């Protein structure tokens, strides 16, 4: 897995309520969508199978891992997503991820 993608997922896993699914709370959903859009804009491949395997390896419910992988797939394909609460992704993590390039 791309180290940038892995670090981004680890970051989201640590601050979002991943036990209920990365997209279960509106603020978590917004943060996750922003992260995936940021990664896509930075040219990071959002590989469905890698994200699905990562979520399962972290002990997520299969449906939650699939939901995240499907969202990443949609964003990676240029699909439109609505971010209800923009501005949830901090500049610090963006800079950290850019430094991994």
PDB file of N, CA and C in Angstrom:
ATOM      1  N   UNK A   1       0.853  -1.186   0.000  1.00  0.00           N
ATOM      2  CA  UNK A   1       0.000   0.000   0.000  1.00  0.00           C
ATOM      3  C   UNK A   1       0.891   1.238   0.000  1.00  0.00           C
ATOM      4  N   UNK A   2       0.455   2.227  -0.738  1.00  0.00           N
ATOM      5  CA  UNK A   2       1.164   3.506  -0.774  1.00  0.00           C
ATOM      6  C   UNK A   2       1.282   4.048   0.659  1.00  0.00           C
ATOM      7  N   UNK A   3       2.495   4.448   1.085  1.00  0.00           N
ATOM      8  CA  UNK A   3       2.660   4.935   2.464  1.00  0.00           C
ATOM      9  C   UNK A   3       1.834   6.184   2.776  1.00  0.00           C
ATOM     10  N   UNK A   4       1.559   6.997   1.774  1.00  0.00           N
ATOM     11  CA  UNK A   4       0.732   8.193   1.995  1.00  0.00           C
ATOM     12  C   UNK A   4      -0.703   7.770   2.302  1.00  0.00           C
ATOM     13  N   UNK A   5      -1.219   6.834   1.511  1.00  0.00           N
ATOM     14  CA  UNK A   5      -2.573   6.336   1.736  1.00  0.00           C
ATOM     15  C   UNK A   5      -2.670   5.652   3.097  1.00  0.00           C
ATOM     16  N   UNK A   6      -1.683   4.838   3.419  1.00  0.00           N
ATOM     17  CA  UNK A   6      -1.706   4.139   4.705  1.00  0.00           C
ATOM     18  C   UNK A   6      -1.671   5.118   5.880  1.00  0.00           C
ATOM     19  N   UNK A   7      -0.828   6.122   5.813  1.00  0.00           N
ATOM     20  CA  UNK A   7      -0.751   7.123   6.893  1.00  0.00           C
ATOM     21  C   UNK A   7      -2.067   7.882   7.008  1.00  0.00           C
ATOM     22  N   UNK A   8      -2.665   8.225   5.868  1.00  0.00           N
ATOM     23  CA  UNK A   8      -3.942   8.944   5.879  1.00  0.00           C
ATOM     24  C   UNK A   8      -5.031   8.102   6.533  1.00  0.00           C
ATOM     25  N   UNK A   9      -5.085   6.821   6.194  1.00  0.00           N
ATOM     26  CA  UNK A   9      -6.086   5.942   6.789  1.00  0.00           C
ATOM     27  C   UNK A   9      -5.839   5.755   8.283  1.00  0.00           C
ATOM     28  N   UNK A  10      -4.572   5.632   8.671  1.00  0.00           N
ATOM     29  CA  UNK A  10      -4.244   5.514  10.098  1.00  0.00           C
ATOM     30  C   UNK A  10      -4.685   6.773  10.854  1.00  0.00           C
ATOM     31  N   UNK A  11      -4.461   7.922  10.233  1.00  0.00           N
ATOM     32  CA  UNK A  11      -4.881   9.190  10.850  1.00  0.00           C
ATOM     33  C   UNK A  11      -6.394   9.205  11.054  1.00  0.00           C
ATOM     34  N   UNK A  12      -7.131   8.871  10.011  1.00  0.00           N
ATOM     35  CA  UNK A  12      -8.590   8.857  10.121  1.00  0.00           C
ATOM     36  C   UNK A  12      -9.053   7.830  11.152  1.00  0.00           C
ATOM     37  N   UNK A  13      -8.411   6.689  11.163  1.00  0.00           N
ATOM     38  CA  UNK A  13      -8.781   5.628  12.102  1.00  0.00           C
ATOM     39  C   UNK A  13      -8.575   6.067  13.548  1.00  0.00           C
ATOM     40  N   UNK A  14      -7.576   6.924  13.768  1.00  0.00           N
ATOM     41  CA  UNK A  14      -7.283   7.361  15.135  1.00  0.00           C
ATOM     42  C   UNK A  14      -8.206   8.480  15.621  1.00  0.00           C
ATOM     43  N   UNK A  15      -8.761   9.277  14.712  1.00  0.00           N
ATOM     44  CA  UNK A  15      -9.592  10.402  15.162  1.00  0.00           C
ATOM     45  C   UNK A  15     -11.080  10.213  14.898  1.00  0.00           C
ATOM     46  N   UNK A  16     -11.428   9.347  13.959  1.00  0.00           N
ATOM     47  CA  UNK A  16     -12.838   9.076  13.688  1.00  0.00           C
ATOM     48  C   UNK A  16     -13.317   7.922  14.557  1.00  0.00           C
ATOM     49  N   UNK A  17     -14.626   7.798  14.680  1.00  0.00           N
ATOM     50  CA  UNK A  17     -15.219   6.683  15.412  1.00  0.00           C
ATOM     51  C   UNK A  17     -15.288   5.482  14.480  1.00  0.00           C
ATOM     52  N   UNK A  18     -14.168   4.821  14.306  1.00  0.00           N
ATOM     53  CA  UNK A  18     -14.100   3.723  13.343  1.00  0.00           C
ATOM     54  C   UNK A  18     -14.817   2.466  13.821  1.00  0.00           C
ATOM     55  N   UNK A  19     -15.121   2.358  15.107  1.00  0.00           N
ATOM     56  CA  UNK A  19     -15.825   1.168  15.598  1.00  0.00           C
ATOM     57  C   UNK A  19     -17.231   1.078  15.017  1.00  0.00           C
ATOM     58  N   UNK A  20     -17.811   2.221  14.709  1.00  0.00           N
ATOM     59  CA  UNK A  20     -19.149   2.248  14.123  1.00  0.00           C
ATOM     60  C   UNK A  20     -19.096   2.453  12.613  1.00  0.00           C
ATOM     61  N   UNK A  21     -17.899   2.530  12.066  1.00  0.00           N
ATOM     62  CA  UNK A  21     -17.748   2.797  10.638  1.00  0.00           C
ATOM     63  C   UNK A  21     -17.227   4.203  10.450  1.00  0.00           C
ATOM     64  N   UNK A  22     -16.318   4.360   9.528  1.00  0.00           N
ATOM     65  CA  UNK A  22     -15.643   5.641   9.304  1.00  0.00           C
ATOM     66  C   UNK A  22     -16.623   6.740   8.889  1.00  0.00           C
ATOM     67  N   UNK A  23     -17.804   6.351   8.411  1.00  0.00           N
ATOM     68  CA  UNK A  23     -18.743   7.334   7.876  1.00  0.00           C
ATOM     69  C   UNK A  23     -20.014   7.440   8.710  1.00  0.00           C
ATOM     70  N   UNK A  24     -20.000   6.915   9.930  1.00  0.00           N
ATOM     71  CA  UNK A  24     -21.230   6.859  10.724  1.00  0.00           C
ATOM     72  C   UNK A  24     -21.642   8.201  11.318  1.00  0.00           C
ATOM     73  N   UNK A  25     -20.698   9.055  11.634  1.00  0.00           N
ATOM     74  CA  UNK A  25     -21.001  10.369  12.206  1.00  0.00           C
ATOM     75  C   UNK A  25     -20.778  11.425  11.124  1.00  0.00           C
ATOM     76  N   UNK A  26     -21.650  12.432  11.025  1.00  0.00           N
ATOM     77  CA  UNK A  26     -21.512  13.434   9.957  1.00  0.00           C
ATOM     78  C   UNK A  26     -20.152  14.133   9.918  1.00  0.00           C
ATOM     79  N   UNK A  27     -19.560  14.427  11.078  1.00  0.00           N
ATOM     80  CA  UNK A  27     -18.248  15.080  11.069  1.00  0.00           C
ATOM     81  C   UNK A  27     -17.159  14.116  10.609  1.00  0.00           C
ATOM     82  N   UNK A  28     -17.257  12.853  11.029  1.00  0.00           N
ATOM     83  CA  UNK A  28     -16.303  11.837  10.571  1.00  0.00           C
ATOM     84  C   UNK A  28     -16.429  11.627   9.065  1.00  0.00           C
ATOM     85  N   UNK A  29     -17.661  11.598   8.597  1.00  0.00           N
ATOM     86  CA  UNK A  29     -17.907  11.431   7.164  1.00  0.00           C
ATOM     87  C   UNK A  29     -17.289  12.587   6.381  1.00  0.00           C
ATOM     88  N   UNK A  30     -17.483  13.804   6.850  1.00  0.00           N
ATOM     89  CA  UNK A  30     -16.922  14.973   6.166  1.00  0.00           C
ATOM     90  C   UNK A  30     -15.403  14.920   6.154  1.00  0.00           C
ATOM     91  N   UNK A  31     -14.806  14.583   7.287  1.00  0.00           N
ATOM     92  CA  UNK A  31     -13.346  14.499   7.381  1.00  0.00           C
ATOM     93  C   UNK A  31     -12.809  13.422   6.435  1.00  0.00           C
ATOM     94  N   UNK A  32     -13.484  12.290   6.388  1.00  0.00           N
ATOM     95  CA  UNK A  32     -13.056  11.190   5.524  1.00  0.00           C
ATOM     96  C   UNK A  32     -13.161  11.583   4.056  1.00  0.00           C
ATOM     97  N   UNK A  33     -14.258  12.203   3.677  1.00  0.00           N
ATOM     98  CA  UNK A  33     -14.417  12.651   2.287  1.00  0.00           C
ATOM     99  C   UNK A  33     -13.358  13.679   1.921  1.00  0.00           C
ATOM    100  N   UNK A  34     -13.097  14.613   2.825  1.00  0.00           N
ATOM    101  CA  UNK A  34     -12.057  15.614   2.560  1.00  0.00           C
ATOM    102  C   UNK A  34     -10.697  14.956   2.382  1.00  0.00           C
ATOM    103  N   UNK A  35     -10.392  13.980   3.222  1.00  0.00           N
ATOM    104  CA  UNK A  35      -9.104  13.290   3.129  1.00  0.00           C
ATOM    105  C   UNK A  35      -8.984  12.574   1.787  1.00  0.00           C
ATOM    106  N   UNK A  36     -10.012  11.852   1.403  1.00  0.00           N
ATOM    107  CA  UNK A  36      -9.960  11.114   0.143  1.00  0.00           C
ATOM    108  C   UNK A  36      -9.863  12.056  -1.053  1.00  0.00           C
ATOM    109  N   UNK A  37     -10.581  13.164  -1.004  1.00  0.00           N
ATOM    110  CA  UNK A  37     -10.476  14.150  -2.090  1.00  0.00           C
ATOM    111  C   UNK A  37      -9.081  14.763  -2.130  1.00  0.00           C
ATOM    112  N   UNK A  38      -8.508  15.043  -0.972  1.00  0.00           N
ATOM    113  CA  UNK A  38      -7.151  15.578  -0.895  1.00  0.00           C
ATOM    114  C   UNK A  38      -6.162  14.589  -1.499  1.00  0.00           C
ATOM    115  N   UNK A  39      -6.248  13.331  -1.092  1.00  0.00           N
ATOM    116  CA  UNK A  39      -5.341  12.312  -1.617  1.00  0.00           C
ATOM    117  C   UNK A  39      -5.469  12.188  -3.130  1.00  0.00           C
ATOM    118  N   UNK A  40      -6.689  12.179  -3.615  1.00  0.00           N
ATOM    119  CA  UNK A  40      -6.920  12.081  -5.055  1.00  0.00           C
ATOM    120  C   UNK A  40      -6.307  13.273  -5.789  1.00  0.00           C
ATOM    121  N   UNK A  41      -6.477  14.466  -5.233  1.00  0.00           N
ATOM    122  CA  UNK A  41      -5.906  15.676  -5.843  1.00  0.00           C
ATOM    123  C   UNK A  41      -4.380  15.638  -5.831  1.00  0.00           C
ATOM    124  N   UNK A  42      -3.805  14.939  -4.856  1.00  0.00           N
ATOM    125  CA  UNK A  42      -2.346  14.812  -4.751  1.00  0.00           C
ATOM    126  C   UNK A  42      -1.804  13.680  -5.622  1.00  0.00           C
ATOM    127  N   UNK A  43      -2.695  12.998  -6.328  1.00  0.00           N
ATOM    128  CA  UNK A  43      -2.264  11.931  -7.228  1.00  0.00           C
ATOM    129  C   UNK A  43      -2.072  10.577  -6.573  1.00  0.00           C
ATOM    130  N   UNK A  44      -2.591  10.412  -5.360  1.00  0.00           N
ATOM    131  CA  UNK A  44      -2.488   9.127  -4.661  1.00  0.00           C
ATOM    132  C   UNK A  44      -3.606   8.217  -5.167  1.00  0.00           C
ATOM    133  N   UNK A  45      -3.237   7.021  -5.601  1.00  0.00           N
ATOM    134  CA  UNK A  45      -4.236   6.071  -6.089  1.00  0.00           C
ATOM    135  C   UNK A  45      -5.074   5.559  -4.922  1.00  0.00           C
ATOM    136  N   UNK A  46      -6.382   5.628  -5.088  1.00  0.00           N
ATOM    137  CA  UNK A  46      -7.310   5.159  -4.060  1.00  0.00           C
ATOM    138  C   UNK A  46      -7.783   3.761  -4.458  1.00  0.00           C
ATOM    139  N   UNK A  47      -6.949   2.782  -4.206  1.00  0.00           N
ATOM    140  CA  UNK A  47      -7.193   1.413  -4.644  1.00  0.00           C
ATOM    141  C   UNK A  47      -8.242   0.733  -3.765  1.00  0.00           C
ATOM    142  N   UNK A  48      -9.354   0.371  -4.385  1.00  0.00           N
ATOM    143  CA  UNK A  48     -10.485  -0.230  -3.679  1.00  0.00           C
ATOM    144  C   UNK A  48     -10.066  -1.457  -2.877  1.00  0.00           C
ATOM    145  N   UNK A  49      -9.365  -2.381  -3.516  1.00  0.00           N
ATOM    146  CA  UNK A  49      -9.014  -3.636  -2.842  1.00  0.00           C
ATOM    147  C   UNK A  49      -8.040  -3.414  -1.687  1.00  0.00           C
ATOM    148  N   UNK A  50      -7.112  -2.483  -1.834  1.00  0.00           N
ATOM    149  CA  UNK A  50      -6.170  -2.190  -0.748  1.00  0.00           C
ATOM    150  C   UNK A  50      -6.885  -1.571   0.452  1.00  0.00           C
ATOM    151  N   UNK A  51      -7.791  -0.650   0.186  1.00  0.00           N
ATOM    152  CA  UNK A  51      -8.523   0.011   1.273  1.00  0.00           C
ATOM    153  C   UNK A  51      -9.444  -0.989   1.969  1.00  0.00           C
ATOM    154  N   UNK A  52     -10.090  -1.835   1.191  1.00  0.00           N
ATOM    155  CA  UNK A  52     -10.952  -2.875   1.753  1.00  0.00           C
ATOM    156  C   UNK A  52     -10.141  -3.822   2.644  1.00  0.00           C
ATOM    157  N   UNK A  53      -8.995  -4.272   2.153  1.00  0.00           N
ATOM    158  CA  UNK A  53      -8.133  -5.176   2.927  1.00  0.00           C
ATOM    159  C   UNK A  53      -7.602  -4.492   4.184  1.00  0.00           C
ATOM    160  N   UNK A  54      -7.266  -3.215   4.072  1.00  0.00           N
ATOM    161  CA  UNK A  54      -6.760  -2.467   5.225  1.00  0.00           C
ATOM    162  C   UNK A  54      -7.826  -2.404   6.323  1.00  0.00           C
ATOM    163  N   UNK A  55      -9.052  -2.048   5.946  1.00  0.00           N
ATOM    164  CA  UNK A  55     -10.142  -1.968   6.920  1.00  0.00           C
ATOM    165  C   UNK A  55     -10.404  -3.302   7.598  1.00  0.00           C
ATOM    166  N   UNK A  56     -10.385  -4.372   6.823  1.00  0.00           N
ATOM    167  CA  UNK A  56     -10.605  -5.703   7.398  1.00  0.00           C
ATOM    168  C   UNK A  56      -9.465  -6.087   8.333  1.00  0.00           C
ATOM    169  N   UNK A  57      -8.232  -5.741   7.947  1.00  0.00           N
ATOM    170  CA  UNK A  57      -7.067  -6.046   8.792  1.00  0.00           C
ATOM    171  C   UNK A  57      -7.132  -5.294  10.121  1.00  0.00           C
ATOM    172  N   UNK A  58      -7.798  -4.152  10.126  1.00  0.00           N
ATOM    173  CA  UNK A  58      -7.957  -3.367  11.356  1.00  0.00           C
ATOM    174  C   UNK A  58      -9.119  -3.868  12.208  1.00  0.00           C
ATOM    175  N   UNK A  59      -9.790  -4.916  11.744  1.00  0.00           N
ATOM    176  CA  UNK A  59     -10.878  -5.498  12.511  1.00  0.00           C
ATOM    177  C   UNK A  59     -12.224  -4.833  12.309  1.00  0.00           C
ATOM    178  N   UNK A  60     -12.343  -4.059  11.239  1.00  0.00           N
ATOM    179  CA  UNK A  60     -13.611  -3.399  10.964  1.00  0.00           C
ATOM    180  C   UNK A  60     -14.653  -4.424  10.526  1.00  0.00           C
ATOM    181  N   UNK A  61     -15.906  -4.068  10.736  1.00  0.00           N
ATOM    182  CA  UNK A  61     -16.997  -4.849  10.169  1.00  0.00           C
ATOM    183  C   UNK A  61     -16.840  -4.819   8.644  1.00  0.00           C
ATOM    184  N   UNK A  62     -17.061  -5.939   7.969  1.00  0.00           N
ATOM    185  CA  UNK A  62     -16.889  -5.970   6.510  1.00  0.00           C
ATOM    186  C   UNK A  62     -17.687  -4.892   5.767  1.00  0.00           C
ATOM    187  N   UNK A  63     -18.905  -4.624   6.219  1.00  0.00           N
ATOM    188  CA  UNK A  63     -19.713  -3.603   5.521  1.00  0.00           C
ATOM    189  C   UNK A  63     -19.108  -2.207   5.678  1.00  0.00           C
ATOM    190  N   UNK A  64     -18.479  -1.927   6.831  1.00  0.00           N
ATOM    191  CA  UNK A  64     -17.853  -0.622   7.039  1.00  0.00           C
ATOM    192  C   UNK A  64     -16.603  -0.466   6.180  1.00  0.00           C
ATOM    193  N   UNK A  65     -15.816  -1.533   6.079  1.00  0.00           N
ATOM    194  CA  UNK A  65     -14.630  -1.499   5.221  1.00  0.00           C
ATOM    195  C   UNK A  65     -15.045  -1.306   3.764  1.00  0.00           C
ATOM    196  N   UNK A  66     -16.108  -1.988   3.354  1.00  0.00           N
ATOM    197  CA  UNK A  66     -16.593  -1.864   1.975  1.00  0.00           C
ATOM    198  C   UNK A  66     -17.125  -0.458   1.709  1.00  0.00           C
ATOM    199  N   UNK A  67     -17.818   0.109   2.671  1.00  0.00           N
ATOM    200  CA  UNK A  67     -18.358   1.461   2.511  1.00  0.00           C
ATOM    201  C   UNK A  67     -17.232   2.471   2.277  1.00  0.00           C
ATOM    202  N   UNK A  68     -16.147   2.352   3.043  1.00  0.00           N
ATOM    203  CA  UNK A  68     -15.002   3.247   2.859  1.00  0.00           C
ATOM    204  C   UNK A  68     -14.340   3.011   1.507  1.00  0.00           C
ATOM    205  N   UNK A  69     -14.128   1.749   1.146  1.00  0.00           N
ATOM    206  CA  UNK A  69     -13.493   1.426  -0.135  1.00  0.00           C
ATOM    207  C   UNK A  69     -14.348   1.907  -1.307  1.00  0.00           C
ATOM    208  N   UNK A  70     -15.660   1.761  -1.199  1.00  0.00           N
ATOM    209  CA  UNK A  70     -16.562   2.227  -2.261  1.00  0.00           C
ATOM    210  C   UNK A  70     -16.510   3.744  -2.402  1.00  0.00           C
ATOM    211  N   UNK A  71     -16.464   4.445  -1.278  1.00  0.00           N
ATOM    212  CA  UNK A  71     -16.364   5.904  -1.316  1.00  0.00           C
ATOM    213  C   UNK A  71     -15.052   6.326  -1.971  1.00  0.00           C
ATOM    214  N   UNK A  72     -13.967   5.675  -1.594  1.00  0.00           N
ATOM    215  CA  UNK A  72     -12.663   5.981  -2.187  1.00  0.00           C
ATOM    216  C   UNK A  72     -12.687   5.731  -3.689  1.00  0.00           C
ATOM    217  N   UNK A  73     -13.323   4.645  -4.084  1.00  0.00           N
ATOM    218  CA  UNK A  73     -13.444   4.311  -5.505  1.00  0.00           C
ATOM    219  C   UNK A  73     -14.207   5.400  -6.253  1.00  0.00           C
ATOM    220  N   UNK A  74     -15.300   5.865  -5.669  1.00  0.00           N
ATOM    221  CA  UNK A  74     -16.111   6.916  -6.300  1.00  0.00           C
ATOM    222  C   UNK A  74     -15.301   8.205  -6.457  1.00  0.00           C
ATOM    223  N   UNK A  75     -14.595   8.594  -5.406  1.00  0.00           N
ATOM    224  CA  UNK A  75     -13.791   9.819  -5.454  1.00  0.00           C
ATOM    225  C   UNK A  75     -12.633   9.654  -6.428  1.00  0.00           C
ATOM    226  N   UNK A  76     -11.989   8.492  -6.409  1.00  0.00           N
ATOM    227  CA  UNK A  76     -10.880   8.234  -7.321  1.00  0.00           C
ATOM    228  C   UNK A  76     -11.289   8.262  -8.781  1.00  0.00           C
ATOM    229  N   UNK A  77     -12.547   7.922  -9.044  1.00  0.00           N
ATOM    230  CA  UNK A  77     -13.066   7.932 -10.410  1.00  0.00           C
ATOM    231  C   UNK A  77     -13.598   9.308 -10.817  1.00  0.00           C
ATOM    232  N   UNK A  78     -13.455  10.284  -9.930  1.00  0.00           N
ATOM    233  CA  UNK A  78     -13.914  11.634 -10.244  1.00  0.00           C
ATOM    234  C   UNK A  78     -15.365  11.893  -9.905  1.00  0.00           C
ATOM    235  N   UNK A  79     -15.965  10.982  -9.146  1.00  0.00           N
ATOM    236  CA  UNK A  79     -17.363  11.149  -8.761  1.00  0.00           C
ATOM    237  C   UNK A  79     -17.547  12.294  -7.777  1.00  0.00           C
ATOM    238  N   UNK A  80     -18.745  12.840  -7.778  1.00  0.00           N
ATOM    239  CA  UNK A  80     -19.067  13.975  -6.916  1.00  0.00           C
ATOM    240  C   UNK A  80     -19.501  13.471  -5.544  1.00  0.00           C
ATOM    241  N   UNK A  81     -18.995  14.118  -4.503  1.00  0.00           N
ATOM    242  CA  UNK A  81     -19.444  13.848  -3.137  1.00  0.00           C
ATOM    243  C   UNK A  81     -19.735  15.180  -2.462  1.00  0.00           C
ATOM    244  N   UNK A  82     -20.705  15.168  -1.579  1.00  0.00           N
ATOM    245  CA  UNK A  82     -21.073  16.368  -0.834  1.00  0.00           C
ATOM    246  C   UNK A  82     -20.421  16.297   0.545  1.00  0.00           C
ATOM    247  N   UNK A  83     -19.693  17.345   0.891  1.00  0.00           N
ATOM    248  CA  UNK A  83     -19.070  17.441   2.212  1.00  0.00           C
ATOM    249  C   UNK A  83     -19.918  18.409   3.033  1.00  0.00           C
ATOM    250  N   UNK A  84     -20.668  17.867   3.985  1.00  0.00           N
ATOM    251  CA  UNK A  84     -21.605  18.675   4.767  1.00  0.00           C
ATOM    252  C   UNK A  84     -20.904  19.656   5.693  1.00  0.00           C
ATOM    253  N   UNK A  85     -19.759  19.256   6.228  1.00  0.00           N
ATOM    254  CA  UNK A  85     -19.020  20.095   7.174  1.00  0.00           C
ATOM    255  C   UNK A  85     -17.578  20.249   6.694  1.00  0.00           C
ATOM    256  N   UNK A  86     -17.358  21.125   5.713  1.00  0.00           N
ATOM    257  CA  UNK A  86     -16.000  21.296   5.175  1.00  0.00           C
ATOM    258  C   UNK A  86     -15.059  21.935   6.195  1.00  0.00           C
ATOM    259  N   UNK A  87     -13.777  21.756   5.956  1.00  0.00           N
ATOM    260  CA  UNK A  87     -12.771  22.359   6.817  1.00  0.00           C
ATOM    261  C   UNK A  87     -12.376  21.494   7.998  1.00  0.00           C
ATOM    262  N   UNK A  88     -12.705  20.204   7.960  1.00  0.00           N
ATOM    263  CA  UNK A  88     -12.408  19.295   9.070  1.00  0.00           C
ATOM    264  C   UNK A  88     -11.002  18.705   8.981  1.00  0.00           C
ATOM    265  N   UNK A  89     -10.365  18.836   7.820  1.00  0.00           N
ATOM    266  CA  UNK A  89      -9.039  18.248   7.624  1.00  0.00           C
ATOM    267  C   UNK A  89      -7.988  19.317   7.858  1.00  0.00           C
ATOM    268  N   UNK A  90      -7.123  19.107   8.829  1.00  0.00           N
ATOM    269  CA  UNK A  90      -6.147  20.117   9.228  1.00  0.00           C
ATOM    270  C   UNK A  90      -4.962  20.238   8.292  1.00  0.00           C
ATOM    271  N   UNK A  91      -4.350  21.415   8.301  1.00  0.00           N
ATOM    272  CA  UNK A  91      -3.170  21.677   7.477  1.00  0.00           C
ATOM    273  C   UNK A  91      -1.977  20.839   7.919  1.00  0.00           C
ATOM    274  N   UNK A  92      -1.910  20.516   9.205  1.00  0.00           N
ATOM    275  CA  UNK A  92      -0.776  19.745   9.724  1.00  0.00           C
ATOM    276  C   UNK A  92      -0.705  18.361   9.078  1.00  0.00           C
ATOM    277  N   UNK A  93      -1.827  17.658   9.015  1.00  0.00           N
ATOM    278  CA  UNK A  93      -1.818  16.321   8.410  1.00  0.00           C
ATOM    279  C   UNK A  93      -1.587  16.421   6.907  1.00  0.00           C
ATOM    280  N   UNK A  94      -2.117  17.455   6.277  1.00  0.00           N
ATOM    281  CA  UNK A  94      -1.866  17.634   4.842  1.00  0.00           C
ATOM    282  C   UNK A  94      -0.374  17.800   4.577  1.00  0.00           C
ATOM    283  N   UNK A  95       0.287  18.619   5.389  1.00  0.00           N
ATOM    284  CA  UNK A  95       1.727  18.837   5.228  1.00  0.00           C
ATOM    285  C   UNK A  95       2.499  17.547   5.492  1.00  0.00           C
ATOM    286  N   UNK A  96       2.083  16.809   6.504  1.00  0.00           N
ATOM    287  CA  UNK A  96       2.744  15.536   6.816  1.00  0.00           C
ATOM    288  C   UNK A  96       2.628  14.563   5.646  1.00  0.00           C
ATOM    289  N   UNK A  97       1.448  14.484   5.061  1.00  0.00           N
ATOM    290  CA  UNK A  97       1.244  13.574   3.933  1.00  0.00           C
ATOM    291  C   UNK A  97       2.030  14.015   2.704  1.00  0.00           C
ATOM    292  N   UNK A  98       2.058  15.309   2.454  1.00  0.00           N
ATOM    293  CA  UNK A  98       2.839  15.816   1.308  1.00  0.00           C
ATOM    294  C   UNK A  98       4.325  15.513   1.482  1.00  0.00           C
ATOM    295  N   UNK A  99       4.807  15.546   2.719  1.00  0.00           N
ATOM    296  CA  UNK A  99       6.224  15.279   2.992  1.00  0.00           C
ATOM    297  C   UNK A  99       6.595  13.824   2.719  1.00  0.00           C
ATOM    298  N   UNK A 100       5.617  12.943   2.666  1.00  0.00           N
ATOM    299  CA  UNK A 100       5.880  11.527   2.398  1.00  0.00           C
ATOM    300  C   UNK A 100       6.093  11.230   0.915  1.00  0.00           C
ATOM    301  N   UNK A 101       5.849  12.210   0.060  1.00  0.00           N
ATOM    302  CA  UNK A 101       6.003  11.990  -1.391  1.00  0.00           C
ATOM    303  C   UNK A 101       7.435  11.738  -1.756  1.00  0.00           C
TER     304      UNK A 101
END
